[in-house]
Amino acid sequence: MKKLIVGCFCLAALASCNVKNSDEYKNLKAENDSLMQIVGQSNTELAEMNSLINDIEENFKQIREAEKFLTIESKNKGEMSNDTKTRVKDNFEMINEILKKNKADIDKLNQRLKSSSGQNAGLKATIERLNTELVERANTISELQASLATRDEQIASLQTDVLSLTENVETLSSQTAEQAAKIKEQDKELNTAYYMFGTSKELKEAKVVSGGFLASPKILKESIEKSKFIKVDIRDTQSIPLYDKKAKLLSDHPGDSYTLDKDAKGNVVIKITDYKRFWSISKFLIVQVG
């Protein structure tokens, strides 16, 4: 948006200088038009997703209203009247169709999320909440159908549809669990870093660095093996003891994101003051000691 404002300002400046026919003006105008198109497209997609979410929410509200009637009937005793049977049957069929539609719409939101170029935590949380609601509603309907089936054979005949719906819910639950596990694993990987410390000789033997003595040590990035490093979660790692009185960081890490302190024995300890910045350049920390 900031770029768009600057583009518009520059256009006005060029126009005031009567250079509308210049190549600079034409190029800037083309860029400005392109930015306007991107903004318009983003707003349209956002409006469509909000509309879809509102429809799903309204459908769930309709299901909850129908559940109230079915819950009351499930607690009644004796044979149902023909009118009640028809209402119960119609409610089950309506709910079944709405749940199918909501599932399809939630799938559309998932596709939008996957195709999004950036991380949309808000949309992801909304989809998870809607998935949970879908599972809860389907399970409730299954239980009500089983309860009402004891009062009427016609209601019992709906079992096939409800079982089919339950299978869909189980599949959805499995997919949701798999997705949650995948997201958790990705989150773990994003917050995983590796470190190694040793003398110049030890680091060379581990094929982590080359050079030394007259030449400055050089990190051999292409030969780095994660299995040789100590793995840590960067969110939980505030300090790294090096068990030596001298230490030098060979890998790149912003100088204002850590300090080199000493423990009670005079050994160097890396104190990480800003873990996000510290690991922003490299997830591999290599330290030469001694």
C-alpha atoms as a PDB file:
ATOM      1  CA  MET A   1       0.000   0.000   0.000  1.00  0.00           C
ATOM      2  CA  LYS A   2       2.903   2.322   0.801  1.00  0.00           C
ATOM      3  CA  LYS A   3       4.351   1.588  -2.635  1.00  0.00           C
ATOM      4  CA  LEU A   4       0.991   2.373  -4.212  1.00  0.00           C
ATOM      5  CA  ILE A   5       0.831   5.792  -2.520  1.00  0.00           C
ATOM      6  CA  VAL A   6       4.366   6.611  -3.625  1.00  0.00           C
ATOM      7  CA  GLY A   7       3.460   5.540  -7.163  1.00  0.00           C
ATOM      8  CA  CYS A   8       0.454   7.853  -7.226  1.00  0.00           C
ATOM      9  CA  PHE A   9       2.513  10.763  -5.884  1.00  0.00           C
ATOM     10  CA  CYS A  10       5.186  10.246  -8.525  1.00  0.00           C
ATOM     11  CA  LEU A  11       2.547  10.147 -11.254  1.00  0.00           C
ATOM     12  CA  ALA A  12       1.212  13.512 -10.121  1.00  0.00           C
ATOM     13  CA  ALA A  13       4.687  14.992 -10.068  1.00  0.00           C
ATOM     14  CA  LEU A  14       5.472  13.783 -13.578  1.00  0.00           C
ATOM     15  CA  ALA A  15       2.176  15.047 -14.897  1.00  0.00           C
ATOM     16  CA  SER A  16       2.786  18.497 -13.444  1.00  0.00           C
ATOM     17  CA  CYS A  17       6.065  18.599 -15.372  1.00  0.00           C
ATOM     18  CA  ASN A  18       4.187  17.845 -18.595  1.00  0.00           C
ATOM     19  CA  VAL A  19       6.103  14.611 -19.267  1.00  0.00           C
ATOM     20  CA  LYS A  20       3.128  12.316 -19.805  1.00  0.00           C
ATOM     21  CA  ASN A  21       4.581  11.054 -23.032  1.00  0.00           C
ATOM     22  CA  SER A  22       7.920  10.118 -21.507  1.00  0.00           C
ATOM     23  CA  ASP A  23       8.981   6.494 -21.028  1.00  0.00           C
ATOM     24  CA  GLU A  24       9.390   7.089 -17.273  1.00  0.00           C
ATOM     25  CA  TYR A  25       5.797   8.243 -16.974  1.00  0.00           C
ATOM     26  CA  LYS A  26       4.448   5.331 -19.020  1.00  0.00           C
ATOM     27  CA  ASN A  27       6.415   2.774 -16.996  1.00  0.00           C
ATOM     28  CA  LEU A  28       5.314   4.291 -13.694  1.00  0.00           C
ATOM     29  CA  LYS A  29       1.682   4.421 -14.835  1.00  0.00           C
ATOM     30  CA  ALA A  30       1.839   0.753 -15.890  1.00  0.00           C
ATOM     31  CA  GLU A  31       3.260  -0.186 -12.481  1.00  0.00           C
ATOM     32  CA  ASN A  32       0.589   1.874 -10.718  1.00  0.00           C
ATOM     33  CA  ASP A  33      -2.193   0.204 -12.741  1.00  0.00           C
ATOM     34  CA  SER A  34      -0.735  -3.211 -11.905  1.00  0.00           C
ATOM     35  CA  LEU A  35      -0.688  -2.407  -8.175  1.00  0.00           C
ATOM     36  CA  MET A  36      -4.287  -1.202  -8.330  1.00  0.00           C
ATOM     37  CA  GLN A  37      -5.299  -4.471  -9.980  1.00  0.00           C
ATOM     38  CA  ILE A  38      -3.545  -6.524  -7.271  1.00  0.00           C
ATOM     39  CA  VAL A  39      -5.252  -4.546  -4.494  1.00  0.00           C
ATOM     40  CA  GLY A  40      -8.630  -4.960  -6.198  1.00  0.00           C
ATOM     41  CA  GLN A  41      -8.110  -8.707  -6.601  1.00  0.00           C
ATOM     42  CA  SER A  42      -7.093  -9.137  -2.942  1.00  0.00           C
ATOM     43  CA  ASN A  43     -10.165  -7.221  -1.747  1.00  0.00           C
ATOM     44  CA  THR A  44     -12.426  -9.352  -3.956  1.00  0.00           C
ATOM     45  CA  GLU A  45     -10.940 -12.619  -2.637  1.00  0.00           C
ATOM     46  CA  LEU A  46     -11.280 -11.406   0.950  1.00  0.00           C
ATOM     47  CA  ALA A  47     -14.938 -10.486   0.382  1.00  0.00           C
ATOM     48  CA  GLU A  48     -15.634 -13.919  -1.153  1.00  0.00           C
ATOM     49  CA  MET A  49     -14.030 -15.751   1.780  1.00  0.00           C
ATOM     50  CA  ASN A  50     -15.932 -13.663   4.333  1.00  0.00           C
ATOM     51  CA  SER A  51     -19.175 -14.391   2.485  1.00  0.00           C
ATOM     52  CA  LEU A  52     -18.388 -18.126   2.508  1.00  0.00           C
ATOM     53  CA  ILE A  53     -17.606 -18.089   6.234  1.00  0.00           C
ATOM     54  CA  ASN A  54     -20.845 -16.201   6.980  1.00  0.00           C
ATOM     55  CA  ASP A  55     -22.847 -18.773   4.991  1.00  0.00           C
ATOM     56  CA  ILE A  56     -21.259 -21.646   6.931  1.00  0.00           C
ATOM     57  CA  GLU A  57     -21.950 -19.935  10.268  1.00  0.00           C
ATOM     58  CA  GLU A  58     -25.586 -19.300   9.287  1.00  0.00           C
ATOM     59  CA  ASN A  59     -25.980 -22.956   8.266  1.00  0.00           C
ATOM     60  CA  PHE A  60     -24.649 -24.132  11.629  1.00  0.00           C
ATOM     61  CA  LYS A  61     -27.144 -21.834  13.350  1.00  0.00           C
ATOM     62  CA  GLN A  62     -29.960 -23.448  11.349  1.00  0.00           C
ATOM     63  CA  ILE A  63     -28.744 -26.921  12.348  1.00  0.00           C
ATOM     64  CA  ARG A  64     -28.627 -26.000  16.038  1.00  0.00           C
ATOM     65  CA  GLU A  65     -32.248 -24.800  15.856  1.00  0.00           C
ATOM     66  CA  ALA A  66     -33.300 -28.097  14.279  1.00  0.00           C
ATOM     67  CA  GLU A  67     -31.394 -30.007  16.969  1.00  0.00           C
ATOM     68  CA  LYS A  68     -33.581 -28.425  19.660  1.00  0.00           C
ATOM     69  CA  PHE A  69     -36.722 -29.983  18.142  1.00  0.00           C
ATOM     70  CA  LEU A  70     -35.036 -33.370  17.618  1.00  0.00           C
ATOM     71  CA  THR A  71     -33.672 -33.366  21.186  1.00  0.00           C
ATOM     72  CA  ILE A  72     -37.164 -32.795  22.623  1.00  0.00           C
ATOM     73  CA  GLU A  73     -38.611 -35.605  20.485  1.00  0.00           C
ATOM     74  CA  SER A  74     -35.777 -37.967  21.474  1.00  0.00           C
ATOM     75  CA  LYS A  75     -36.857 -37.625  25.123  1.00  0.00           C
ATOM     76  CA  ASN A  76     -40.544 -38.299  24.450  1.00  0.00           C
ATOM     77  CA  LYS A  77     -42.035 -41.781  24.835  1.00  0.00           C
ATOM     78  CA  GLY A  78     -44.549 -43.732  22.755  1.00  0.00           C
ATOM     79  CA  GLU A  79     -45.332 -43.815  19.066  1.00  0.00           C
ATOM     80  CA  MET A  80     -44.952 -40.635  16.999  1.00  0.00           C
ATOM     81  CA  SER A  81     -47.824 -39.040  15.119  1.00  0.00           C
ATOM     82  CA  ASN A  82     -47.574 -38.942  11.334  1.00  0.00           C
ATOM     83  CA  ASP A  83     -46.930 -35.197  11.400  1.00  0.00           C
ATOM     84  CA  THR A  84     -44.111 -35.631  13.919  1.00  0.00           C
ATOM     85  CA  LYS A  85     -42.569 -38.446  11.871  1.00  0.00           C
ATOM     86  CA  THR A  86     -42.585 -36.243   8.788  1.00  0.00           C
ATOM     87  CA  ARG A  87     -41.048 -33.294  10.663  1.00  0.00           C
ATOM     88  CA  VAL A  88     -38.340 -35.489  12.193  1.00  0.00           C
ATOM     89  CA  LYS A  89     -37.516 -37.096   8.853  1.00  0.00           C
ATOM     90  CA  ASP A  90     -37.451 -33.721   7.076  1.00  0.00           C
ATOM     91  CA  ASN A  91     -35.181 -32.252   9.749  1.00  0.00           C
ATOM     92  CA  PHE A  92     -32.696 -35.110   9.460  1.00  0.00           C
ATOM     93  CA  GLU A  93     -32.594 -34.822   5.673  1.00  0.00           C
ATOM     94  CA  MET A  94     -32.207 -31.045   5.838  1.00  0.00           C
ATOM     95  CA  ILE A  95     -29.378 -31.282   8.364  1.00  0.00           C
ATOM     96  CA  ASN A  96     -27.661 -33.965   6.309  1.00  0.00           C
ATOM     97  CA  GLU A  97     -27.675 -31.745   3.214  1.00  0.00           C
ATOM     98  CA  ILE A  98     -26.507 -28.662   5.127  1.00  0.00           C
ATOM     99  CA  LEU A  99     -23.614 -30.564   6.686  1.00  0.00           C
ATOM    100  CA  LYS A 100     -22.538 -31.793   3.255  1.00  0.00           C
ATOM    101  CA  LYS A 101     -22.658 -28.236   1.906  1.00  0.00           C
ATOM    102  CA  ASN A 102     -20.722 -26.872   4.865  1.00  0.00           C
ATOM    103  CA  LYS A 103     -18.061 -29.549   4.417  1.00  0.00           C
ATOM    104  CA  ALA A 104     -17.711 -28.612   0.732  1.00  0.00           C
ATOM    105  CA  ASP A 105     -17.460 -24.909   1.617  1.00  0.00           C
ATOM    106  CA  ILE A 106     -14.849 -25.575   4.299  1.00  0.00           C
ATOM    107  CA  ASP A 107     -12.858 -27.521   1.710  1.00  0.00           C
ATOM    108  CA  LYS A 108     -12.995 -24.424  -0.529  1.00  0.00           C
ATOM    109  CA  LEU A 109     -11.585 -22.309   2.310  1.00  0.00           C
ATOM    110  CA  ASN A 110      -8.810 -24.849   2.788  1.00  0.00           C
ATOM    111  CA  GLN A 111      -7.915 -24.575  -0.894  1.00  0.00           C
ATOM    112  CA  ARG A 112      -7.840 -20.769  -0.613  1.00  0.00           C
ATOM    113  CA  LEU A 113      -5.530 -21.089   2.389  1.00  0.00           C
ATOM    114  CA  LYS A 114      -3.159 -23.442   0.547  1.00  0.00           C
ATOM    115  CA  SER A 115      -2.993 -21.147  -2.496  1.00  0.00           C
ATOM    116  CA  SER A 116      -2.350 -18.067  -0.343  1.00  0.00           C
ATOM    117  CA  SER A 117       1.164 -16.726  -0.811  1.00  0.00           C
ATOM    118  CA  GLY A 118       1.456 -15.541   2.807  1.00  0.00           C
ATOM    119  CA  GLN A 119       0.729 -17.031   6.193  1.00  0.00           C
ATOM    120  CA  ASN A 120      -2.864 -16.313   7.199  1.00  0.00           C
ATOM    121  CA  ALA A 121      -3.104 -17.345  10.843  1.00  0.00           C
ATOM    122  CA  GLY A 122      -6.594 -15.840  11.186  1.00  0.00           C
ATOM    123  CA  LEU A 123      -8.043 -17.872   8.318  1.00  0.00           C
ATOM    124  CA  LYS A 124      -6.299 -21.028   9.528  1.00  0.00           C
ATOM    125  CA  ALA A 125      -7.814 -20.621  13.017  1.00  0.00           C
ATOM    126  CA  THR A 126     -11.268 -19.993  11.524  1.00  0.00           C
ATOM    127  CA  ILE A 127     -11.072 -23.148   9.388  1.00  0.00           C
ATOM    128  CA  GLU A 128     -10.023 -25.221  12.396  1.00  0.00           C
ATOM    129  CA  ARG A 129     -12.960 -23.839  14.402  1.00  0.00           C
ATOM    130  CA  LEU A 130     -15.423 -24.578  11.580  1.00  0.00           C
ATOM    131  CA  ASN A 131     -14.036 -28.108  11.205  1.00  0.00           C
ATOM    132  CA  THR A 132     -14.539 -28.693  14.922  1.00  0.00           C
ATOM    133  CA  GLU A 133     -18.117 -27.396  14.695  1.00  0.00           C
ATOM    134  CA  LEU A 134     -18.819 -29.690  11.733  1.00  0.00           C
ATOM    135  CA  VAL A 135     -17.594 -32.747  13.645  1.00  0.00           C
ATOM    136  CA  GLU A 136     -19.621 -31.826  16.744  1.00  0.00           C
ATOM    137  CA  ARG A 137     -22.830 -31.237  14.794  1.00  0.00           C
ATOM    138  CA  ALA A 138     -22.512 -34.501  12.846  1.00  0.00           C
ATOM    139  CA  ASN A 139     -21.841 -36.521  16.008  1.00  0.00           C
ATOM    140  CA  THR A 140     -24.840 -34.944  17.753  1.00  0.00           C
ATOM    141  CA  ILE A 141     -27.122 -35.765  14.801  1.00  0.00           C
ATOM    142  CA  SER A 142     -25.854 -39.361  14.789  1.00  0.00           C
ATOM    143  CA  GLU A 143     -26.730 -39.720  18.482  1.00  0.00           C
ATOM    144  CA  LEU A 144     -30.200 -38.170  18.021  1.00  0.00           C
ATOM    145  CA  GLN A 145     -30.944 -40.442  15.060  1.00  0.00           C
ATOM    146  CA  ALA A 146     -29.956 -43.509  17.076  1.00  0.00           C
ATOM    147  CA  SER A 147     -32.215 -42.401  19.938  1.00  0.00           C
ATOM    148  CA  LEU A 148     -35.235 -41.639  17.707  1.00  0.00           C
ATOM    149  CA  ALA A 149     -34.798 -44.836  15.679  1.00  0.00           C
ATOM    150  CA  THR A 150     -36.107 -46.820  18.670  1.00  0.00           C
ATOM    151  CA  ARG A 151     -39.490 -45.067  18.341  1.00  0.00           C
ATOM    152  CA  ASP A 152     -40.123 -45.487  14.643  1.00  0.00           C
ATOM    153  CA  GLU A 153     -39.038 -47.768  11.766  1.00  0.00           C
ATOM    154  CA  GLN A 154     -39.170 -44.915   9.250  1.00  0.00           C
ATOM    155  CA  ILE A 155     -36.653 -42.958  11.294  1.00  0.00           C
ATOM    156  CA  ALA A 156     -34.528 -46.095  11.611  1.00  0.00           C
ATOM    157  CA  SER A 157     -34.459 -46.335   7.818  1.00  0.00           C
ATOM    158  CA  LEU A 158     -32.450 -43.093   7.774  1.00  0.00           C
ATOM    159  CA  GLN A 159     -29.570 -44.989   9.357  1.00  0.00           C
ATOM    160  CA  THR A 160     -27.776 -45.518   6.044  1.00  0.00           C
ATOM    161  CA  ASP A 161     -27.615 -41.769   5.404  1.00  0.00           C
ATOM    162  CA  VAL A 162     -26.479 -41.022   8.932  1.00  0.00           C
ATOM    163  CA  LEU A 163     -23.838 -43.754   8.831  1.00  0.00           C
ATOM    164  CA  SER A 164     -22.581 -42.321   5.562  1.00  0.00           C
ATOM    165  CA  LEU A 165     -22.413 -38.902   7.180  1.00  0.00           C
ATOM    166  CA  THR A 166     -20.583 -40.363  10.185  1.00  0.00           C
ATOM    167  CA  GLU A 167     -18.035 -41.935   7.850  1.00  0.00           C
ATOM    168  CA  ASN A 168     -17.508 -38.534   6.235  1.00  0.00           C
ATOM    169  CA  VAL A 169     -16.999 -37.021   9.671  1.00  0.00           C
ATOM    170  CA  GLU A 170     -14.499 -39.722  10.623  1.00  0.00           C
ATOM    171  CA  THR A 171     -12.607 -39.057   7.401  1.00  0.00           C
ATOM    172  CA  LEU A 172     -12.694 -35.323   8.132  1.00  0.00           C
ATOM    173  CA  SER A 173     -11.481 -35.904  11.687  1.00  0.00           C
ATOM    174  CA  SER A 174      -8.629 -38.021  10.370  1.00  0.00           C
ATOM    175  CA  GLN A 175      -7.703 -35.377   7.807  1.00  0.00           C
ATOM    176  CA  THR A 176      -7.888 -32.652  10.453  1.00  0.00           C
ATOM    177  CA  ALA A 177      -5.663 -34.681  12.786  1.00  0.00           C
ATOM    178  CA  GLU A 178      -3.170 -35.304   9.986  1.00  0.00           C
ATOM    179  CA  GLN A 179      -3.190 -31.622   9.080  1.00  0.00           C
ATOM    180  CA  ALA A 180      -2.674 -30.622  12.722  1.00  0.00           C
ATOM    181  CA  ALA A 181       0.213 -33.105  13.022  1.00  0.00           C
ATOM    182  CA  LYS A 182       1.743 -31.748   9.823  1.00  0.00           C
ATOM    183  CA  ILE A 183       1.425 -28.148  11.034  1.00  0.00           C
ATOM    184  CA  LYS A 184       2.966 -29.144  14.371  1.00  0.00           C
ATOM    185  CA  GLU A 185       5.860 -30.866  12.617  1.00  0.00           C
ATOM    186  CA  GLN A 186       6.400 -27.856  10.344  1.00  0.00           C
ATOM    187  CA  ASP A 187       6.331 -25.556  13.365  1.00  0.00           C
ATOM    188  CA  LYS A 188       8.867 -27.772  15.113  1.00  0.00           C
ATOM    189  CA  GLU A 189      11.134 -27.742  12.061  1.00  0.00           C
ATOM    190  CA  LEU A 190      10.886 -23.958  11.729  1.00  0.00           C
ATOM    191  CA  ASN A 191      11.992 -23.568  15.337  1.00  0.00           C
ATOM    192  CA  THR A 192      14.782 -26.144  15.238  1.00  0.00           C
ATOM    193  CA  ALA A 193      18.430 -25.085  15.115  1.00  0.00           C
ATOM    194  CA  TYR A 194      21.765 -26.851  15.412  1.00  0.00           C
ATOM    195  CA  TYR A 195      25.034 -25.981  17.097  1.00  0.00           C
ATOM    196  CA  MET A 196      28.536 -27.377  17.385  1.00  0.00           C
ATOM    197  CA  PHE A 197      31.611 -26.194  19.239  1.00  0.00           C
ATOM    198  CA  GLY A 198      35.156 -27.489  19.241  1.00  0.00           C
ATOM    199  CA  THR A 199      38.788 -26.657  18.668  1.00  0.00           C
ATOM    200  CA  SER A 200      40.002 -25.748  15.196  1.00  0.00           C
ATOM    201  CA  LYS A 201      41.278 -29.305  14.763  1.00  0.00           C
ATOM    202  CA  GLU A 202      38.020 -30.877  15.950  1.00  0.00           C
ATOM    203  CA  LEU A 203      35.913 -28.723  13.608  1.00  0.00           C
ATOM    204  CA  LYS A 204      38.156 -29.646  10.673  1.00  0.00           C
ATOM    205  CA  GLU A 205      37.940 -33.336  11.508  1.00  0.00           C
ATOM    206  CA  ALA A 206      34.166 -33.017  11.598  1.00  0.00           C
ATOM    207  CA  LYS A 207      34.421 -31.480   8.092  1.00  0.00           C
ATOM    208  CA  VAL A 208      32.593 -28.370   9.262  1.00  0.00           C
ATOM    209  CA  VAL A 209      35.343 -25.825   8.561  1.00  0.00           C
ATOM    210  CA  SER A 210      38.502 -25.524   6.497  1.00  0.00           C
ATOM    211  CA  GLY A 211      41.496 -23.187   6.683  1.00  0.00           C
ATOM    212  CA  GLY A 212      42.865 -21.841   9.928  1.00  0.00           C
ATOM    213  CA  PHE A 213      46.307 -20.731  11.128  1.00  0.00           C
ATOM    214  CA  LEU A 214      47.273 -18.234   8.371  1.00  0.00           C
ATOM    215  CA  ALA A 215      43.929 -18.452   6.569  1.00  0.00           C
ATOM    216  CA  SER A 216      40.642 -17.547   8.245  1.00  0.00           C
ATOM    217  CA  PRO A 217      38.403 -20.548   9.013  1.00  0.00           C
ATOM    218  CA  LYS A 218      35.790 -21.138   6.329  1.00  0.00           C
ATOM    219  CA  ILE A 219      32.521 -22.958   6.989  1.00  0.00           C
ATOM    220  CA  LEU A 220      31.966 -25.872   4.594  1.00  0.00           C
ATOM    221  CA  LYS A 221      28.211 -25.438   4.166  1.00  0.00           C
ATOM    222  CA  GLU A 222      27.914 -28.103   1.484  1.00  0.00           C
ATOM    223  CA  SER A 223      29.326 -30.824   3.779  1.00  0.00           C
ATOM    224  CA  ILE A 224      27.401 -29.999   6.948  1.00  0.00           C
ATOM    225  CA  GLU A 225      25.695 -33.057   8.452  1.00  0.00           C
ATOM    226  CA  LYS A 226      22.917 -32.358  10.945  1.00  0.00           C
ATOM    227  CA  SER A 227      23.643 -35.607  12.786  1.00  0.00           C
ATOM    228  CA  LYS A 228      26.979 -34.180  13.982  1.00  0.00           C
ATOM    229  CA  PHE A 229      25.292 -31.176  15.609  1.00  0.00           C
ATOM    230  CA  ILE A 230      23.359 -30.720  18.832  1.00  0.00           C
ATOM    231  CA  LYS A 231      19.705 -30.029  17.998  1.00  0.00           C
ATOM    232  CA  VAL A 232      17.761 -27.424  19.990  1.00  0.00           C
ATOM    233  CA  ASP A 233      14.396 -25.682  19.988  1.00  0.00           C
ATOM    234  CA  ILE A 234      15.271 -22.012  19.503  1.00  0.00           C
ATOM    235  CA  ARG A 235      12.261 -20.903  21.584  1.00  0.00           C
ATOM    236  CA  ASP A 236      13.591 -22.712  24.664  1.00  0.00           C
ATOM    237  CA  THR A 237      17.310 -22.095  24.222  1.00  0.00           C
ATOM    238  CA  GLN A 238      18.432 -18.951  26.035  1.00  0.00           C
ATOM    239  CA  SER A 239      22.028 -19.908  26.730  1.00  0.00           C
ATOM    240  CA  ILE A 240      24.645 -22.295  25.335  1.00  0.00           C
ATOM    241  CA  PRO A 241      27.589 -23.286  27.575  1.00  0.00           C
ATOM    242  CA  LEU A 242      30.872 -23.821  25.701  1.00  0.00           C
ATOM    243  CA  TYR A 243      33.026 -25.289  28.554  1.00  0.00           C
ATOM    244  CA  ASP A 244      36.089 -23.293  27.521  1.00  0.00           C
ATOM    245  CA  LYS A 245      37.602 -19.960  28.508  1.00  0.00           C
ATOM    246  CA  LYS A 246      37.956 -18.749  24.899  1.00  0.00           C
ATOM    247  CA  ALA A 247      35.359 -18.847  22.122  1.00  0.00           C
ATOM    248  CA  LYS A 248      34.800 -17.371  18.694  1.00  0.00           C
ATOM    249  CA  LEU A 249      31.607 -17.593  16.635  1.00  0.00           C
ATOM    250  CA  LEU A 250      32.396 -18.689  13.079  1.00  0.00           C
ATOM    251  CA  SER A 251      28.799 -18.659  11.818  1.00  0.00           C
ATOM    252  CA  ASP A 252      26.886 -15.439  11.160  1.00  0.00           C
ATOM    253  CA  HIS A 253      24.590 -14.136  13.909  1.00  0.00           C
ATOM    254  CA  PRO A 254      23.582 -10.490  14.540  1.00  0.00           C
ATOM    255  CA  GLY A 255      25.892  -9.029  17.175  1.00  0.00           C
ATOM    256  CA  ASP A 256      23.053  -7.335  19.065  1.00  0.00           C
ATOM    257  CA  SER A 257      21.173 -10.615  19.545  1.00  0.00           C
ATOM    258  CA  TYR A 258      23.616 -12.261  21.968  1.00  0.00           C
ATOM    259  CA  THR A 259      26.396 -11.700  24.507  1.00  0.00           C
ATOM    260  CA  LEU A 260      29.431 -13.794  25.483  1.00  0.00           C
ATOM    261  CA  ASP A 261      29.379 -14.149  29.253  1.00  0.00           C
ATOM    262  CA  LYS A 262      31.380 -16.224  31.730  1.00  0.00           C
ATOM    263  CA  ASP A 263      30.109 -18.829  34.173  1.00  0.00           C
ATOM    264  CA  ALA A 264      31.392 -19.387  37.714  1.00  0.00           C
ATOM    265  CA  LYS A 265      34.413 -21.302  36.390  1.00  0.00           C
ATOM    266  CA  GLY A 266      35.304 -18.597  33.879  1.00  0.00           C
ATOM    267  CA  ASN A 267      34.062 -20.591  30.883  1.00  0.00           C
ATOM    268  CA  VAL A 268      32.277 -18.822  28.038  1.00  0.00           C
ATOM    269  CA  VAL A 269      28.498 -19.013  27.800  1.00  0.00           C
ATOM    270  CA  ILE A 270      26.525 -17.648  24.847  1.00  0.00           C
ATOM    271  CA  LYS A 271      23.543 -15.697  26.170  1.00  0.00           C
ATOM    272  CA  ILE A 272      20.897 -15.319  23.476  1.00  0.00           C
ATOM    273  CA  THR A 273      18.975 -12.099  24.075  1.00  0.00           C
ATOM    274  CA  ASP A 274      16.808 -12.163  20.918  1.00  0.00           C
ATOM    275  CA  TYR A 275      16.406 -15.701  19.594  1.00  0.00           C
ATOM    276  CA  LYS A 276      14.521 -14.695  16.442  1.00  0.00           C
ATOM    277  CA  ARG A 277      17.279 -12.345  15.329  1.00  0.00           C
ATOM    278  CA  PHE A 278      20.052 -14.649  16.519  1.00  0.00           C
ATOM    279  CA  TRP A 279      18.903 -17.519  14.256  1.00  0.00           C
ATOM    280  CA  SER A 280      17.603 -15.308  11.425  1.00  0.00           C
ATOM    281  CA  ILE A 281      20.736 -15.586   9.265  1.00  0.00           C
ATOM    282  CA  SER A 282      21.640 -19.196   9.929  1.00  0.00           C
ATOM    283  CA  LYS A 283      20.105 -22.107  11.836  1.00  0.00           C
ATOM    284  CA  PHE A 284      23.601 -23.555  12.307  1.00  0.00           C
ATOM    285  CA  LEU A 285      25.793 -22.175  15.100  1.00  0.00           C
ATOM    286  CA  ILE A 286      29.476 -23.080  14.819  1.00  0.00           C
ATOM    287  CA  VAL A 287      31.867 -21.970  17.564  1.00  0.00           C
ATOM    288  CA  GLN A 288      35.619 -22.414  17.759  1.00  0.00           C
ATOM    289  CA  VAL A 289      36.931 -22.778  21.302  1.00  0.00           C
ATOM    290  CA  GLY A 290      40.411 -22.886  22.767  1.00  0.00           C
END
